[in-house]
Amino acid sequence: MATQMDRNELDLQEQLARIRQMGVNTDKAIAEMQKTRIDTKIVSFATVFQGFIAVAALLGAGAAIAKLFFP
Protein backbone atom coordinates (compact mmCIF):
# COMPACT_ATOMS: atom_id res chain seq x y z
CA MET A 1 0.00 0.00 0.00
CA ALA A 2 1.10 3.49 -0.76
CA THR A 3 1.30 5.93 2.07
CA GLN A 4 -0.79 9.02 1.72
CA MET A 5 0.01 12.35 3.27
CA ASP A 6 -2.50 14.02 5.48
CA ARG A 7 -4.41 16.86 3.81
CA ASN A 8 -3.22 19.27 6.51
CA GLU A 9 0.38 18.33 5.74
CA LEU A 10 -0.18 19.12 2.06
CA ASP A 11 -1.67 22.50 2.98
CA LEU A 12 1.32 23.25 5.20
CA GLN A 13 3.81 22.39 2.45
CA GLU A 14 1.86 24.54 0.00
CA GLN A 15 1.84 27.46 2.41
CA LEU A 16 5.57 27.14 3.03
CA ALA A 17 6.23 27.11 -0.70
CA ARG A 18 4.12 30.27 -1.14
CA ILE A 19 5.94 32.00 1.73
CA ARG A 20 9.31 31.17 0.15
CA GLN A 21 8.10 32.49 -3.21
CA MET A 22 6.86 35.70 -1.58
CA GLY A 23 10.30 36.15 -0.01
CA VAL A 24 11.95 35.85 -3.42
CA ASN A 25 9.46 38.28 -4.95
CA THR A 26 10.01 40.73 -2.09
CA ASP A 27 13.76 40.68 -2.62
CA LYS A 28 13.27 41.38 -6.32
CA ALA A 29 10.86 44.24 -5.58
CA ILE A 30 13.24 45.82 -3.05
CA ALA A 31 16.12 45.69 -5.52
CA GLU A 32 13.95 47.28 -8.21
CA MET A 33 12.77 50.04 -5.83
CA GLN A 34 16.34 50.87 -4.86
CA LYS A 35 17.31 51.13 -8.52
CA THR A 36 14.29 53.33 -9.21
CA ARG A 37 15.08 55.55 -6.21
CA ILE A 38 18.61 56.16 -7.54
CA ASP A 39 17.19 57.10 -10.95
CA THR A 40 14.59 59.35 -9.32
CA LYS A 41 17.17 61.29 -7.32
CA ILE A 42 18.96 62.29 -10.52
CA VAL A 43 15.73 63.34 -12.22
CA SER A 44 14.28 65.19 -9.23
CA PHE A 45 17.07 67.80 -9.12
CA ALA A 46 16.57 68.58 -12.80
CA THR A 47 12.81 68.78 -12.32
CA VAL A 48 13.13 71.19 -9.38
CA PHE A 49 15.53 73.39 -11.35
CA GLN A 50 13.14 73.48 -14.32
CA GLY A 51 10.31 74.36 -11.96
CA PHE A 52 12.27 77.35 -10.62
CA ILE A 53 12.94 78.53 -14.16
CA ALA A 54 9.25 78.22 -15.05
CA VAL A 55 8.18 80.18 -11.96
CA ALA A 56 10.71 82.91 -12.74
CA ALA A 57 9.40 83.14 -16.30
CA LEU A 58 5.80 83.38 -15.11
CA LEU A 59 6.68 86.09 -12.59
CA GLY A 60 8.56 88.04 -15.25
CA ALA A 61 5.67 87.75 -17.70
CA GLY A 62 3.21 88.74 -14.97
CA ALA A 63 5.27 91.80 -14.08
CA ALA A 64 5.47 92.84 -17.74
CA ILE A 65 1.68 92.47 -18.21
CA ALA A 66 1.01 94.35 -14.96
CA LYS A 67 3.29 97.19 -16.05
CA LEU A 68 1.55 97.30 -19.42
CA PHE A 69 -1.99 97.55 -18.01
CA PHE A 70 -1.20 99.45 -14.79
CA PRO A 71 1.51 102.03 -15.62
PDB file of N, CA and C in Angstrom:
ATOM      1  N   MET A   1       0.827  -1.186   0.000  1.00  0.00           N
ATOM      2  CA  MET A   1       0.000   0.000   0.000  1.00  0.00           C
ATOM      3  C   MET A   1       0.871   1.249   0.000  1.00  0.00           C
ATOM      4  N   ALA A   2       0.406   2.210  -0.718  1.00  0.00           N
ATOM      5  CA  ALA A   2       1.101   3.491  -0.755  1.00  0.00           C
ATOM      6  C   ALA A   2       0.673   4.330   0.438  1.00  0.00           C
ATOM      7  N   THR A   3       1.646   5.049   0.947  1.00  0.00           N
ATOM      8  CA  THR A   3       1.299   5.926   2.069  1.00  0.00           C
ATOM      9  C   THR A   3       0.788   7.252   1.523  1.00  0.00           C
ATOM     10  N   GLN A   4      -0.218   7.753   2.143  1.00  0.00           N
ATOM     11  CA  GLN A   4      -0.794   9.017   1.724  1.00  0.00           C
ATOM     12  C   GLN A   4      -0.519  10.064   2.792  1.00  0.00           C
ATOM     13  N   MET A   5      -0.237  11.257   2.324  1.00  0.00           N
ATOM     14  CA  MET A   5       0.008  12.348   3.266  1.00  0.00           C
ATOM     15  C   MET A   5      -1.327  12.918   3.722  1.00  0.00           C
ATOM     16  N   ASP A   6      -1.316  13.378   4.927  1.00  0.00           N
ATOM     17  CA  ASP A   6      -2.500  14.015   5.482  1.00  0.00           C
ATOM     18  C   ASP A   6      -2.765  15.315   4.717  1.00  0.00           C
ATOM     19  N   ARG A   7      -4.028  15.637   4.547  1.00  0.00           N
ATOM     20  CA  ARG A   7      -4.412  16.862   3.808  1.00  0.00           C
ATOM     21  C   ARG A   7      -3.837  18.113   4.478  1.00  0.00           C
ATOM     22  N   ASN A   8      -3.792  18.117   5.795  1.00  0.00           N
ATOM     23  CA  ASN A   8      -3.219  19.267   6.507  1.00  0.00           C
ATOM     24  C   ASN A   8      -1.731  19.416   6.205  1.00  0.00           C
ATOM     25  N   GLU A   9      -1.036  18.290   6.071  1.00  0.00           N
ATOM     26  CA  GLU A   9       0.384  18.328   5.740  1.00  0.00           C
ATOM     27  C   GLU A   9       0.600  18.907   4.344  1.00  0.00           C
ATOM     28  N   LEU A  10      -0.272  18.555   3.404  1.00  0.00           N
ATOM     29  CA  LEU A  10      -0.177  19.121   2.059  1.00  0.00           C
ATOM     30  C   LEU A  10      -0.413  20.628   2.103  1.00  0.00           C
ATOM     31  N   ASP A  11      -1.395  21.075   2.866  1.00  0.00           N
ATOM     32  CA  ASP A  11      -1.665  22.504   2.976  1.00  0.00           C
ATOM     33  C   ASP A  11      -0.471  23.241   3.574  1.00  0.00           C
ATOM     34  N   LEU A  12       0.168  22.632   4.569  1.00  0.00           N
ATOM     35  CA  LEU A  12       1.322  23.250   5.201  1.00  0.00           C
ATOM     36  C   LEU A  12       2.477  23.385   4.211  1.00  0.00           C
ATOM     37  N   GLN A  13       2.739  22.344   3.447  1.00  0.00           N
ATOM     38  CA  GLN A  13       3.807  22.392   2.452  1.00  0.00           C
ATOM     39  C   GLN A  13       3.512  23.449   1.387  1.00  0.00           C
ATOM     40  N   GLU A  14       2.256  23.537   0.985  1.00  0.00           N
ATOM     41  CA  GLU A  14       1.865  24.540  -0.004  1.00  0.00           C
ATOM     42  C   GLU A  14       2.050  25.950   0.551  1.00  0.00           C
ATOM     43  N   GLN A  15       1.686  26.144   1.792  1.00  0.00           N
ATOM     44  CA  GLN A  15       1.842  27.465   2.411  1.00  0.00           C
ATOM     45  C   GLN A  15       3.310  27.835   2.546  1.00  0.00           C
ATOM     46  N   LEU A  16       4.137  26.873   2.929  1.00  0.00           N
ATOM     47  CA  LEU A  16       5.566  27.140   3.035  1.00  0.00           C
ATOM     48  C   LEU A  16       6.166  27.492   1.677  1.00  0.00           C
ATOM     49  N   ALA A  17       5.743  26.809   0.644  1.00  0.00           N
ATOM     50  CA  ALA A  17       6.233  27.115  -0.697  1.00  0.00           C
ATOM     51  C   ALA A  17       5.814  28.523  -1.115  1.00  0.00           C
ATOM     52  N   ARG A  18       4.584  28.912  -0.800  1.00  0.00           N
ATOM     53  CA  ARG A  18       4.120  30.266  -1.140  1.00  0.00           C
ATOM     54  C   ARG A  18       4.890  31.323  -0.358  1.00  0.00           C
ATOM     55  N   ILE A  19       5.176  31.047   0.915  1.00  0.00           N
ATOM     56  CA  ILE A  19       5.937  31.999   1.726  1.00  0.00           C
ATOM     57  C   ILE A  19       7.340  32.177   1.157  1.00  0.00           C
ATOM     58  N   ARG A  20       7.976  31.067   0.750  1.00  0.00           N
ATOM     59  CA  ARG A  20       9.310  31.168   0.148  1.00  0.00           C
ATOM     60  C   ARG A  20       9.264  31.980  -1.150  1.00  0.00           C
ATOM     61  N   GLN A  21       8.234  31.761  -1.955  1.00  0.00           N
ATOM     62  CA  GLN A  21       8.101  32.490  -3.211  1.00  0.00           C
ATOM     63  C   GLN A  21       7.869  33.974  -2.951  1.00  0.00           C
ATOM     64  N   MET A  22       7.080  34.296  -1.924  1.00  0.00           N
ATOM     65  CA  MET A  22       6.859  35.698  -1.576  1.00  0.00           C
ATOM     66  C   MET A  22       8.157  36.364  -1.141  1.00  0.00           C
ATOM     67  N   GLY A  23       9.004  35.621  -0.425  1.00  0.00           N
ATOM     68  CA  GLY A  23      10.304  36.154  -0.013  1.00  0.00           C
ATOM     69  C   GLY A  23      11.169  36.488  -1.216  1.00  0.00           C
ATOM     70  N   VAL A  24      11.179  35.600  -2.201  1.00  0.00           N
ATOM     71  CA  VAL A  24      11.949  35.845  -3.424  1.00  0.00           C
ATOM     72  C   VAL A  24      11.398  37.072  -4.161  1.00  0.00           C
ATOM     73  N   ASN A  25      10.070  37.146  -4.261  1.00  0.00           N
ATOM     74  CA  ASN A  25       9.455  38.281  -4.948  1.00  0.00           C
ATOM     75  C   ASN A  25       9.715  39.589  -4.209  1.00  0.00           C
ATOM     76  N   THR A  26       9.726  39.537  -2.881  1.00  0.00           N
ATOM     77  CA  THR A  26      10.005  40.733  -2.089  1.00  0.00           C
ATOM     78  C   THR A  26      11.422  41.215  -2.327  1.00  0.00           C
ATOM     79  N   ASP A  27      12.373  40.295  -2.358  1.00  0.00           N
ATOM     80  CA  ASP A  27      13.762  40.676  -2.617  1.00  0.00           C
ATOM     81  C   ASP A  27      13.901  41.335  -3.986  1.00  0.00           C
ATOM     82  N   LYS A  28      13.221  40.794  -4.982  1.00  0.00           N
ATOM     83  CA  LYS A  28      13.265  41.383  -6.321  1.00  0.00           C
ATOM     84  C   LYS A  28      12.651  42.778  -6.320  1.00  0.00           C
ATOM     85  N   ALA A  29      11.526  42.941  -5.625  1.00  0.00           N
ATOM     86  CA  ALA A  29      10.855  44.241  -5.582  1.00  0.00           C
ATOM     87  C   ALA A  29      11.709  45.278  -4.865  1.00  0.00           C
ATOM     88  N   ILE A  30      12.372  44.881  -3.783  1.00  0.00           N
ATOM     89  CA  ILE A  30      13.237  45.818  -3.049  1.00  0.00           C
ATOM     90  C   ILE A  30      14.404  46.254  -3.926  1.00  0.00           C
ATOM     91  N   ALA A  31      15.010  45.334  -4.632  1.00  0.00           N
ATOM     92  CA  ALA A  31      16.123  45.687  -5.524  1.00  0.00           C
ATOM     93  C   ALA A  31      15.660  46.642  -6.616  1.00  0.00           C
ATOM     94  N   GLU A  32      14.473  46.407  -7.159  1.00  0.00           N
ATOM     95  CA  GLU A  32      13.948  47.282  -8.206  1.00  0.00           C
ATOM     96  C   GLU A  32      13.623  48.673  -7.653  1.00  0.00           C
ATOM     97  N   MET A  33      13.079  48.734  -6.433  1.00  0.00           N
ATOM     98  CA  MET A  33      12.767  50.039  -5.833  1.00  0.00           C
ATOM     99  C   MET A  33      14.036  50.830  -5.558  1.00  0.00           C
ATOM    100  N   GLN A  34      15.087  50.164  -5.105  1.00  0.00           N
ATOM    101  CA  GLN A  34      16.342  50.866  -4.856  1.00  0.00           C
ATOM    102  C   GLN A  34      16.919  51.411  -6.151  1.00  0.00           C
ATOM    103  N   LYS A  35      16.829  50.657  -7.221  1.00  0.00           N
ATOM    104  CA  LYS A  35      17.311  51.133  -8.521  1.00  0.00           C
ATOM    105  C   LYS A  35      16.483  52.325  -8.983  1.00  0.00           C
ATOM    106  N   THR A  36      15.169  52.248  -8.804  1.00  0.00           N
ATOM    107  CA  THR A  36      14.286  53.333  -9.205  1.00  0.00           C
ATOM    108  C   THR A  36      14.551  54.578  -8.370  1.00  0.00           C
ATOM    109  N   ARG A  37      14.818  54.405  -7.073  1.00  0.00           N
ATOM    110  CA  ARG A  37      15.080  55.551  -6.212  1.00  0.00           C
ATOM    111  C   ARG A  37      16.336  56.275  -6.659  1.00  0.00           C
ATOM    112  N   ILE A  38      17.373  55.538  -7.063  1.00  0.00           N
ATOM    113  CA  ILE A  38      18.605  56.157  -7.537  1.00  0.00           C
ATOM    114  C   ILE A  38      18.317  56.954  -8.803  1.00  0.00           C
ATOM    115  N   ASP A  39      17.546  56.390  -9.727  1.00  0.00           N
ATOM    116  CA  ASP A  39      17.189  57.100 -10.947  1.00  0.00           C
ATOM    117  C   ASP A  39      16.348  58.335 -10.642  1.00  0.00           C
ATOM    118  N   THR A  40      15.465  58.242  -9.668  1.00  0.00           N
ATOM    119  CA  THR A  40      14.587  59.354  -9.324  1.00  0.00           C
ATOM    120  C   THR A  40      15.364  60.506  -8.716  1.00  0.00           C
ATOM    121  N   LYS A  41      16.374  60.221  -7.917  1.00  0.00           N
ATOM    122  CA  LYS A  41      17.173  61.290  -7.322  1.00  0.00           C
ATOM    123  C   LYS A  41      17.808  62.145  -8.402  1.00  0.00           C
ATOM    124  N   ILE A  42      18.313  61.545  -9.447  1.00  0.00           N
ATOM    125  CA  ILE A  42      18.958  62.291 -10.517  1.00  0.00           C
ATOM    126  C   ILE A  42      17.930  63.149 -11.246  1.00  0.00           C
ATOM    127  N   VAL A  43      16.768  62.621 -11.493  1.00  0.00           N
ATOM    128  CA  VAL A  43      15.734  63.343 -12.219  1.00  0.00           C
ATOM    129  C   VAL A  43      15.125  64.448 -11.361  1.00  0.00           C
ATOM    130  N   SER A  44      14.968  64.236 -10.072  1.00  0.00           N
ATOM    131  CA  SER A  44      14.278  65.192  -9.231  1.00  0.00           C
ATOM    132  C   SER A  44      15.007  66.528  -9.171  1.00  0.00           C
ATOM    133  N   PHE A  45      16.342  66.531  -9.138  1.00  0.00           N
ATOM    134  CA  PHE A  45      17.073  67.796  -9.120  1.00  0.00           C
ATOM    135  C   PHE A  45      16.826  68.583 -10.404  1.00  0.00           C
ATOM    136  N   ALA A  46      16.832  67.913 -11.524  1.00  0.00           N
ATOM    137  CA  ALA A  46      16.571  68.585 -12.805  1.00  0.00           C
ATOM    138  C   ALA A  46      15.142  69.112 -12.844  1.00  0.00           C
ATOM    139  N   THR A  47      14.205  68.354 -12.320  1.00  0.00           N
ATOM    140  CA  THR A  47      12.809  68.780 -12.318  1.00  0.00           C
ATOM    141  C   THR A  47      12.617  70.009 -11.443  1.00  0.00           C
ATOM    142  N   VAL A  48      13.237  70.023 -10.276  1.00  0.00           N
ATOM    143  CA  VAL A  48      13.132  71.188  -9.383  1.00  0.00           C
ATOM    144  C   VAL A  48      13.740  72.411 -10.052  1.00  0.00           C
ATOM    145  N   PHE A  49      14.882  72.261 -10.671  1.00  0.00           N
ATOM    146  CA  PHE A  49      15.529  73.386 -11.355  1.00  0.00           C
ATOM    147  C   PHE A  49      14.646  73.931 -12.477  1.00  0.00           C
ATOM    148  N   GLN A  50      14.039  73.043 -13.252  1.00  0.00           N
ATOM    149  CA  GLN A  50      13.144  73.479 -14.321  1.00  0.00           C
ATOM    150  C   GLN A  50      11.915  74.171 -13.757  1.00  0.00           C
ATOM    151  N   GLY A  51      11.441  73.714 -12.608  1.00  0.00           N
ATOM    152  CA  GLY A  51      10.311  74.364 -11.956  1.00  0.00           C
ATOM    153  C   GLY A  51      10.653  75.785 -11.544  1.00  0.00           C
ATOM    154  N   PHE A  52      11.841  75.992 -10.988  1.00  0.00           N
ATOM    155  CA  PHE A  52      12.270  77.348 -10.621  1.00  0.00           C
ATOM    156  C   PHE A  52      12.350  78.252 -11.839  1.00  0.00           C
ATOM    157  N   ILE A  53      12.858  77.743 -12.934  1.00  0.00           N
ATOM    158  CA  ILE A  53      12.943  78.533 -14.156  1.00  0.00           C
ATOM    159  C   ILE A  53      11.547  78.898 -14.650  1.00  0.00           C
ATOM    160  N   ALA A  54      10.617  77.951 -14.605  1.00  0.00           N
ATOM    161  CA  ALA A  54       9.249  78.220 -15.052  1.00  0.00           C
ATOM    162  C   ALA A  54       8.579  79.267 -14.173  1.00  0.00           C
ATOM    163  N   VAL A  55       8.773  79.190 -12.859  1.00  0.00           N
ATOM    164  CA  VAL A  55       8.184  80.183 -11.958  1.00  0.00           C
ATOM    165  C   VAL A  55       8.778  81.553 -12.227  1.00  0.00           C
ATOM    166  N   ALA A  56      10.073  81.632 -12.441  1.00  0.00           N
ATOM    167  CA  ALA A  56      10.709  82.911 -12.742  1.00  0.00           C
ATOM    168  C   ALA A  56      10.163  83.497 -14.035  1.00  0.00           C
ATOM    169  N   ALA A  57       9.955  82.654 -15.031  1.00  0.00           N
ATOM    170  CA  ALA A  57       9.400  83.135 -16.302  1.00  0.00           C
ATOM    171  C   ALA A  57       7.977  83.642 -16.120  1.00  0.00           C
ATOM    172  N   LEU A  58       7.177  82.934 -15.350  1.00  0.00           N
ATOM    173  CA  LEU A  58       5.802  83.377 -15.115  1.00  0.00           C
ATOM    174  C   LEU A  58       5.764  84.685 -14.337  1.00  0.00           C
ATOM    175  N   LEU A  59       6.636  84.827 -13.348  1.00  0.00           N
ATOM    176  CA  LEU A  59       6.684  86.089 -12.590  1.00  0.00           C
ATOM    177  C   LEU A  59       7.131  87.241 -13.480  1.00  0.00           C
ATOM    178  N   GLY A  60       8.098  86.994 -14.324  1.00  0.00           N
ATOM    179  CA  GLY A  60       8.560  88.035 -15.251  1.00  0.00           C
ATOM    180  C   GLY A  60       7.473  88.429 -16.232  1.00  0.00           C
ATOM    181  N   ALA A  61       6.758  87.461 -16.770  1.00  0.00           N
ATOM    182  CA  ALA A  61       5.666  87.753 -17.701  1.00  0.00           C
ATOM    183  C   ALA A  61       4.544  88.478 -16.978  1.00  0.00           C
ATOM    184  N   GLY A  62       4.246  88.063 -15.750  1.00  0.00           N
ATOM    185  CA  GLY A  62       3.207  88.738 -14.974  1.00  0.00           C
ATOM    186  C   GLY A  62       3.572  90.169 -14.672  1.00  0.00           C
ATOM    187  N   ALA A  63       4.823  90.431 -14.353  1.00  0.00           N
ATOM    188  CA  ALA A  63       5.269  91.796 -14.083  1.00  0.00           C
ATOM    189  C   ALA A  63       5.180  92.645 -15.343  1.00  0.00           C
ATOM    190  N   ALA A  64       5.549  92.092 -16.487  1.00  0.00           N
ATOM    191  CA  ALA A  64       5.466  92.842 -17.744  1.00  0.00           C
ATOM    192  C   ALA A  64       4.017  93.169 -18.096  1.00  0.00           C
ATOM    193  N   ILE A  65       3.102  92.239 -17.917  1.00  0.00           N
ATOM    194  CA  ILE A  65       1.682  92.475 -18.209  1.00  0.00           C
ATOM    195  C   ILE A  65       1.109  93.498 -17.223  1.00  0.00           C
ATOM    196  N   ALA A  66       1.496  93.387 -15.944  1.00  0.00           N
ATOM    197  CA  ALA A  66       1.011  94.350 -14.961  1.00  0.00           C
ATOM    198  C   ALA A  66       1.507  95.743 -15.281  1.00  0.00           C
ATOM    199  N   LYS A  67       2.736  95.881 -15.699  1.00  0.00           N
ATOM    200  CA  LYS A  67       3.286  97.190 -16.046  1.00  0.00           C
ATOM    201  C   LYS A  67       2.593  97.749 -17.290  1.00  0.00           C
ATOM    202  N   LEU A  68       2.217  96.855 -18.200  1.00  0.00           N
ATOM    203  CA  LEU A  68       1.551  97.298 -19.422  1.00  0.00           C
ATOM    204  C   LEU A  68       0.161  97.830 -19.120  1.00  0.00           C
ATOM    205  N   PHE A  69      -0.602  97.157 -18.283  1.00  0.00           N
ATOM    206  CA  PHE A  69      -1.988  97.549 -18.008  1.00  0.00           C
ATOM    207  C   PHE A  69      -2.112  98.542 -16.855  1.00  0.00           C
ATOM    208  N   PHE A  70      -1.153  98.554 -15.941  1.00  0.00           N
ATOM    209  CA  PHE A  70      -1.197  99.451 -14.789  1.00  0.00           C
ATOM    210  C   PHE A  70       0.102 100.254 -14.723  1.00  0.00           C
ATOM    211  N   PRO A  71       0.227 101.281 -15.565  1.00  0.00           N
ATOM    212  CA  PRO A  71       1.507 102.026 -15.616  1.00  0.00           C
ATOM    213  C   PRO A  71       1.795 102.850 -14.400  1.00  0.00           C
TER     214      PRO A  71
END
